Protein backbone atom coordinates (compact mmCIF):
# COMPACT_ATOMS: atom_id res chain seq x y z
CA MET A 1 36.08 -0.60 -16.61
CA ASP A 2 36.76 -2.76 -13.96
CA LEU A 3 35.43 -6.19 -13.02
CA CYS A 4 33.10 -4.45 -9.86
CA LEU A 5 32.60 -0.93 -11.45
CA SER A 6 31.04 -2.80 -14.70
CA ILE A 7 28.80 -5.40 -12.43
CA LYS A 8 27.81 -2.36 -10.81
CA GLY A 9 26.32 -0.67 -14.01
CA ILE A 10 24.90 -3.57 -15.24
CA SER A 11 23.02 -3.91 -12.68
CA PHE A 12 22.18 -0.45 -12.47
CA LEU A 13 21.26 -0.32 -16.39
CA LEU A 14 18.97 -3.46 -16.07
CA GLN A 15 16.96 -2.38 -13.04
CA THR A 16 16.68 1.32 -14.53
CA GLY A 17 15.87 0.16 -17.87
CA ILE A 18 12.95 -2.78 -16.77
CA GLY A 19 11.81 -0.74 -14.23
CA ILE A 20 10.64 2.41 -16.71
CA LEU A 21 9.38 -0.33 -19.44
CA GLY A 22 7.11 -2.09 -16.75
CA ASN A 23 5.78 1.59 -15.18
CA VAL A 24 5.25 3.10 -18.85
CA LEU A 25 3.49 0.04 -19.68
CA VAL A 26 1.38 0.01 -16.47
CA LEU A 27 0.49 3.70 -17.48
CA LEU A 28 -0.43 3.69 -21.42
CA THR A 29 -2.53 0.30 -20.41
CA TYR A 30 -4.51 2.63 -18.08
CA ILE A 31 -4.68 5.09 -20.50
CA HIS A 32 -5.96 2.55 -23.37
CA ILE A 33 -8.28 1.82 -20.81
CA VAL A 34 -9.60 5.05 -20.00
CA CYS A 35 -10.11 5.81 -23.18
CA PHE A 36 -13.17 3.30 -23.49
CA ASP A 37 -14.18 3.87 -19.77
CA PRO A 38 -13.79 6.74 -18.47
CA HIS A 39 -14.65 6.10 -14.94
CA LEU A 40 -11.73 3.91 -13.35
CA LEU A 41 -12.16 2.17 -10.37
CA PRO A 42 -10.86 3.67 -6.99
CA VAL A 43 -8.37 0.87 -7.06
CA ASP A 44 -7.11 1.53 -10.73
CA MET A 45 -6.74 5.29 -9.87
CA ILE A 46 -4.55 3.70 -7.07
CA LEU A 47 -1.88 1.34 -9.00
CA CYS A 48 -1.82 3.90 -12.22
CA HIS A 49 -0.66 6.50 -9.59
CA LEU A 50 1.89 4.01 -7.98
CA ALA A 51 2.94 3.68 -11.24
CA PHE A 52 3.63 6.79 -11.89
CA SER A 53 5.42 7.71 -8.66
CA ASN A 54 7.97 4.58 -9.04
CA LEU A 55 8.21 6.44 -12.54
CA MET A 56 9.17 9.38 -11.55
CA LEU A 57 11.35 7.93 -8.77
CA LEU A 58 13.00 6.22 -11.18
CA LEU A 59 14.04 8.42 -13.53
CA THR A 60 15.08 10.46 -10.81
CA ARG A 61 17.04 8.84 -9.34
CA CYS A 62 18.21 5.69 -10.92
CA VAL A 63 18.95 7.37 -14.54
CA PRO A 64 21.33 10.08 -13.15
CA GLN A 65 22.82 6.83 -11.22
CA THR A 66 23.24 4.93 -14.16
CA MET A 67 24.87 7.53 -15.99
CA ASP A 68 26.99 8.30 -13.28
CA VAL A 69 28.43 4.28 -13.10
CA PHE A 70 29.28 4.85 -16.64
CA GLY A 71 31.79 7.62 -16.41
CA LEU A 72 29.38 10.24 -17.47
CA ARG A 73 30.31 13.38 -15.53
CA ASP A 74 29.02 17.23 -14.78
CA LEU A 75 25.61 16.19 -15.73
CA LEU A 76 23.83 18.75 -13.00
CA ASN A 77 24.78 21.86 -12.29
CA ASP A 78 23.49 23.12 -8.81
CA ALA A 79 20.25 23.95 -9.78
CA GLY A 80 19.72 20.62 -11.38
CA CYS A 81 21.00 18.62 -8.28
CA LYS A 82 17.75 20.19 -6.49
CA VAL A 83 15.31 19.44 -9.05
CA VAL A 84 16.47 16.21 -9.44
CA ILE A 85 16.97 15.46 -5.68
CA TYR A 86 13.74 17.21 -4.50
CA SER A 87 11.38 15.43 -7.02
CA TYR A 88 13.38 12.05 -6.56
CA ARG A 89 12.94 12.62 -2.79
CA ILE A 90 8.50 13.57 -3.30
CA ALA A 91 8.31 10.29 -5.36
CA ARG A 92 10.12 7.59 -2.97
CA ALA A 93 7.53 9.19 -0.83
CA LEU A 94 4.52 9.02 -2.65
CA SER A 95 5.96 5.79 -3.05
CA VAL A 96 5.25 4.59 0.19
CA CYS A 97 1.90 6.63 1.11
CA ILE A 98 0.26 4.95 -2.31
CA THR A 99 1.24 1.59 -1.15
CA CYS A 100 0.09 2.14 2.47
CA MET A 101 -3.67 4.42 0.39
CA LEU A 102 -3.87 1.04 -1.54
CA SER A 103 -3.38 -1.63 1.70
CA VAL A 104 -5.98 0.62 3.62
CA PHE A 105 -8.15 0.72 0.90
CA GLN A 106 -8.68 -2.97 0.05
CA ALA A 107 -8.94 -2.87 4.13
CA VAL A 108 -11.88 -1.12 4.37
CA MET A 109 -13.75 -2.16 1.41
CA LEU A 110 -13.58 -5.67 3.09
CA THR A 111 -14.63 -4.90 6.78
CA PRO A 112 -17.80 -5.80 7.84
CA ALA A 113 -21.12 -4.29 6.80
CA LEU A 114 -22.00 -2.00 9.68
CA PRO A 115 -23.29 1.43 9.42
CA PHE A 116 -20.12 3.22 10.03
CA TRP A 117 -18.22 1.30 7.41
CA LEU A 118 -20.90 1.03 5.06
CA ARG A 119 -20.98 5.01 5.39
CA LEU A 120 -17.29 4.71 4.64
CA LYS A 121 -16.76 2.65 2.15
CA THR A 122 -19.59 4.86 -0.17
CA MET A 123 -17.28 7.88 0.98
CA LEU A 124 -14.00 6.31 -0.26
CA PRO A 125 -14.85 6.31 -4.11
CA ARG A 126 -15.15 10.57 -3.63
CA LEU A 127 -11.71 10.92 -1.34
CA VAL A 128 -9.42 9.38 -3.97
CA ILE A 129 -8.64 12.20 -6.15
CA PRO A 130 -8.22 14.61 -3.03
CA THR A 131 -5.91 12.17 -0.77
CA PHE A 132 -3.85 12.22 -3.85
CA ALA A 133 -3.70 16.30 -3.81
CA ALA A 134 -2.63 15.55 0.25
CA LEU A 135 -0.22 13.24 0.08
CA TRP A 136 1.31 15.34 -3.13
CA LEU A 137 1.27 18.94 -0.56
CA MET A 138 2.04 17.04 2.55
CA ASN A 139 5.51 15.41 0.85
CA MET A 140 6.66 18.56 -1.11
CA ALA A 141 6.70 20.17 2.55
CA VAL A 142 8.17 17.23 4.63
CA CYS A 143 10.98 17.38 1.15
CA ILE A 144 11.29 21.25 1.47
CA ALA A 145 14.72 21.28 2.64
CA ALA A 146 16.32 18.49 0.33
CA PRO A 147 16.91 21.61 -2.24
CA PHE A 148 18.65 23.19 0.20
CA PHE A 149 21.60 20.94 1.09
CA SER A 150 21.83 19.53 -2.84
CA ILE A 151 24.82 20.74 -5.06
CA ALA A 152 26.62 19.63 -7.65
CA PRO A 153 29.78 17.65 -7.19
CA LYS A 154 33.25 19.87 -6.94
CA ASN A 155 36.60 19.08 -7.36
CA GLY A 156 38.27 17.22 -4.42
CA THR A 157 37.34 15.77 -1.36
CA VAL A 158 33.85 15.01 -0.08
CA PRO A 159 32.97 16.93 3.25
CA ALA A 160 31.84 15.52 6.00
CA PHE A 161 27.79 15.03 6.51
CA THR A 162 27.67 14.63 3.09
CA LEU A 163 25.77 12.18 0.82
CA ASN A 164 28.21 11.44 -2.27
CA LEU A 165 25.63 10.49 -4.84
CA GLY A 166 28.34 10.65 -7.78
CA PHE A 167 26.19 13.20 -9.76
CA CYS A 168 24.95 15.54 -6.93
CA HIS A 169 26.37 15.80 -3.53
CA VAL A 170 23.66 16.34 0.11
CA ASP A 171 25.98 18.10 2.30
CA PHE A 172 24.01 18.39 5.68
CA ARG A 173 27.17 20.61 6.76
CA ASP A 174 26.53 19.42 10.35
CA ASN A 175 25.87 16.50 12.48
CA LEU A 176 22.52 17.81 13.68
CA SER A 177 21.10 18.37 10.32
CA TYR A 178 22.36 14.61 8.84
CA VAL A 179 20.65 13.46 11.71
CA ILE A 180 16.96 15.35 11.55
CA ASN A 181 17.10 14.53 8.54
CA GLY A 182 17.56 10.77 8.71
CA VAL A 183 15.19 10.53 11.27
CA ALA A 184 13.00 12.70 9.71
CA VAL A 185 12.39 10.61 6.84
CA SER A 186 12.96 7.42 8.74
CA GLY A 187 10.25 8.48 11.01
CA ARG A 188 7.75 9.64 7.87
CA ASP A 189 8.34 5.87 6.23
CA PHE A 190 7.92 4.07 9.44
CA VAL A 191 4.57 5.43 10.04
CA PHE A 192 3.13 4.93 6.94
CA VAL A 193 5.19 1.33 6.72
CA GLY A 194 3.31 0.63 10.13
CA LEU A 195 -0.40 1.58 8.85
CA MET A 196 -0.04 -0.80 5.85
CA LEU A 197 1.50 -3.89 7.61
CA GLY A 198 -1.41 -3.00 10.13
CA SER A 199 -4.03 -3.43 7.53
CA SER A 200 -2.78 -5.53 5.55
CA GLY A 201 -3.15 -7.73 8.83
CA TYR A 202 -6.24 -7.32 8.92
CA ILE A 203 -6.48 -8.12 5.02
CA LEU A 204 -5.12 -11.57 6.24
CA VAL A 205 -7.16 -12.06 8.73
CA VAL A 206 -10.23 -11.86 6.95
CA LEU A 207 -9.05 -13.68 4.24
CA HIS A 208 -7.93 -16.71 6.73
CA ARG A 209 -11.79 -15.93 7.70
CA HIS A 210 -12.79 -16.70 4.15
CA ALA A 211 -11.02 -19.64 3.40
CA ARG A 212 -12.59 -21.40 6.61
CA ARG A 213 -16.02 -20.52 5.56
CA SER A 214 -18.03 -23.89 4.80
CA GLN A 215 -18.30 -24.58 0.79
CA ASN A 216 -21.56 -23.95 0.01
CA VAL A 217 -20.86 -20.24 1.31
CA ARG A 218 -17.85 -19.78 -0.69
CA ARG A 219 -19.89 -20.99 -3.83
CA SER A 220 -22.89 -18.71 -3.36
CA GLN A 221 -20.43 -16.13 -3.21
CA ALA A 222 -18.01 -17.30 -6.00
CA GLY A 223 -17.75 -14.16 -7.96
CA GLY A 224 -17.53 -11.49 -5.67
CA ALA A 225 -15.26 -13.53 -3.28
CA SER A 226 -12.88 -14.25 -5.70
CA MET A 227 -12.71 -10.48 -7.04
CA GLU A 228 -12.40 -9.14 -3.32
CA THR A 229 -9.78 -12.50 -3.11
CA ARG A 230 -7.50 -11.00 -6.05
CA ALA A 231 -7.30 -7.71 -4.63
CA ALA A 232 -6.34 -8.37 -1.51
CA ASN A 233 -3.64 -10.74 -2.74
CA THR A 234 -2.18 -7.97 -4.87
CA VAL A 235 -2.35 -5.82 -2.08
CA ILE A 236 -0.47 -8.38 0.41
CA THR A 237 2.38 -9.09 -2.03
CA LEU A 238 2.89 -5.53 -2.94
CA VAL A 239 3.11 -4.56 1.30
CA SER A 240 5.30 -7.37 1.22
CA LEU A 241 7.48 -6.71 -1.56
CA TYR A 242 7.62 -3.33 -0.10
CA ALA A 243 8.56 -4.36 3.09
CA VAL A 244 11.01 -6.41 2.27
CA PHE A 245 13.23 -3.56 0.32
CA PHE A 246 12.10 -1.22 3.17
CA GLY A 247 14.14 -3.12 6.18
CA ILE A 248 17.22 -3.52 3.74
CA ASP A 249 17.00 0.28 3.08
CA ASN A 250 16.49 1.38 6.28
CA VAL A 251 19.20 -1.01 7.84
CA ILE A 252 21.51 0.73 5.58
CA TRP A 253 20.50 4.30 6.02
CA MET A 254 20.99 3.37 9.94
CA TYR A 255 24.43 2.78 9.23
CA MET A 256 24.70 5.77 7.05
CA LEU A 257 23.85 7.88 9.63
CA THR A 258 26.10 6.49 12.39
CA VAL A 259 29.36 7.31 10.21
CA ASP A 260 30.76 10.98 8.78
CA GLN A 261 31.18 10.10 5.57
CA VAL A 262 29.63 7.35 3.41
CA PRO A 263 31.60 4.70 1.27
CA PRO A 264 29.86 5.11 -2.46
CA LEU A 265 29.53 1.51 -2.69
CA VAL A 266 27.26 1.48 0.48
CA ALA A 267 25.38 4.44 -1.21
CA ASP A 268 24.93 2.36 -4.17
CA MET A 269 23.57 -0.57 -2.35
CA ARG A 270 21.27 1.50 -0.66
CA VAL A 271 19.92 2.68 -3.64
CA TRP A 272 19.94 -0.39 -5.92
CA PHE A 273 17.78 -2.43 -3.27
CA SER A 274 15.15 1.05 -2.13
CA SER A 275 14.37 1.26 -6.21
CA CYS A 276 13.74 -2.64 -6.21
CA TYR A 277 10.41 -2.17 -5.70
CA ALA A 278 9.53 0.13 -7.77
CA SER A 279 11.36 -1.68 -10.64
CA LEU A 280 9.51 -4.61 -9.69
CA SER A 281 5.83 -3.61 -8.85
CA PRO A 282 4.63 -2.86 -11.90
CA PHE A 283 5.15 -6.59 -13.33
CA LEU A 284 3.03 -8.00 -10.00
CA ILE A 285 0.16 -5.31 -10.86
CA MET A 286 0.36 -6.64 -14.46
CA THR A 287 0.32 -10.43 -13.92
CA SER A 288 -2.48 -10.09 -10.73
CA ASN A 289 -4.49 -7.60 -11.91
CA LYS A 290 -7.16 -8.81 -14.71
CA LYS A 291 -8.12 -5.81 -16.10
CA VAL A 292 -4.98 -4.52 -16.80
CA LYS A 293 -3.72 -8.16 -18.35
CA ASN A 294 -6.28 -8.54 -19.98
CA ARG A 295 -6.17 -5.27 -21.97
CA ILE A 296 -2.15 -6.17 -22.52
CA MET A 297 -3.33 -9.31 -24.02
CA CYS A 298 -6.41 -7.83 -26.45
CA VAL A 299 -3.82 -5.09 -27.66
CA SER A 300 -0.92 -7.77 -28.05
CA ALA A 301 -3.46 -9.70 -29.52
CA ASN A 302 -4.38 -7.36 -32.43
CA ASP A 303 -1.11 -6.37 -32.86
CA GLN A 304 -0.38 -9.96 -34.04
CA GLU A 305 -3.25 -10.21 -35.92
CA GLN A 306 -2.82 -6.74 -38.12
CA LEU A 307 0.91 -7.95 -38.33
CA SER A 308 -0.20 -11.46 -40.08
C-alpha cells in the first residue's frame, strides 16, 4: 500500500470510528435518559433522530468505503449495492432535513408571543413525530431511483456517466439521467439548507436583540434566557458546521457533473467531506446539550465509583 493510499485509509478509518462512537454514545445517552423520563423534549427527540440518521449514514457509506480502501474487494453483490446505496441516500437526506427541522423548530420557539405563534408553539410538540414520518416517506420516494442505477463492480473499465464508489458503481447509463439525478439531489438539499440558513439568521437576530437588552431585564429572565440561548447557540453551530461541509461537498459535486468519468480521488474527497458533519455533530451535541453532557458525566462518575 503506497503512502497516498495509506493516508486515505487512515483518514476514512478515523472518521468512521470516531463518528460511529460519537453517534452511538449520543443514542445510548438518550436511551438512558428515556429510562428515567419517558417524555423527551421535542428538541431532544430531534437531536436523537439526527444522531440515528448520521449513524446510518456512516454505516452505509464510510464503513464499506473504508473496507474498500484497505483492499477488501467484492464486498457486495448487485442486491447488496442497491440496499446500501438506497439506505445511504435516505440517511444523507435525513441528515440535512432533520438539521433544518431543528433550526426551524428553534426559530419558532424564539418568536414573539403573538396569538399565531403561541398557537404554533403549542402545536409543535405534537408535530414532531408526524414530521419525522413525513421526512422518511418523502426521502424514500425521492431516492427511489438510486437502487435502479446501483450495481456491483465488474471487471474492466468503468463506463461513462458512472460514479465509481469502489465497493459499488452507480451507473446512470446516459448524460441525461446523470444530470437529472445530480440536479434533483442538489435541488432538494439547497431548499433545506436555504430554510435552515434563513431560520438560523432569524435566531441570530433574536440573540442580538437579547444581547442589547438592559442588565436588569437579562437578570430577571436569567434562567429561561440562558436555556434558550444555549439551545440557540447549539443550533447555530450545527447549521454552520453543516453549511461549511455542504458547500465543499457541492463544489465537488458540481465538478463531477461536468465530467464523463469521475477520478476516484475526487469521489473519495467528496465522500470524506460529506461525512464530516455526521462524524463531528455528535461531539457538538455532547458538549453543548446540558442534559446529554450531565448524563454522560453522571454515568462516568458512577462507573468510577464502582471500579474504586
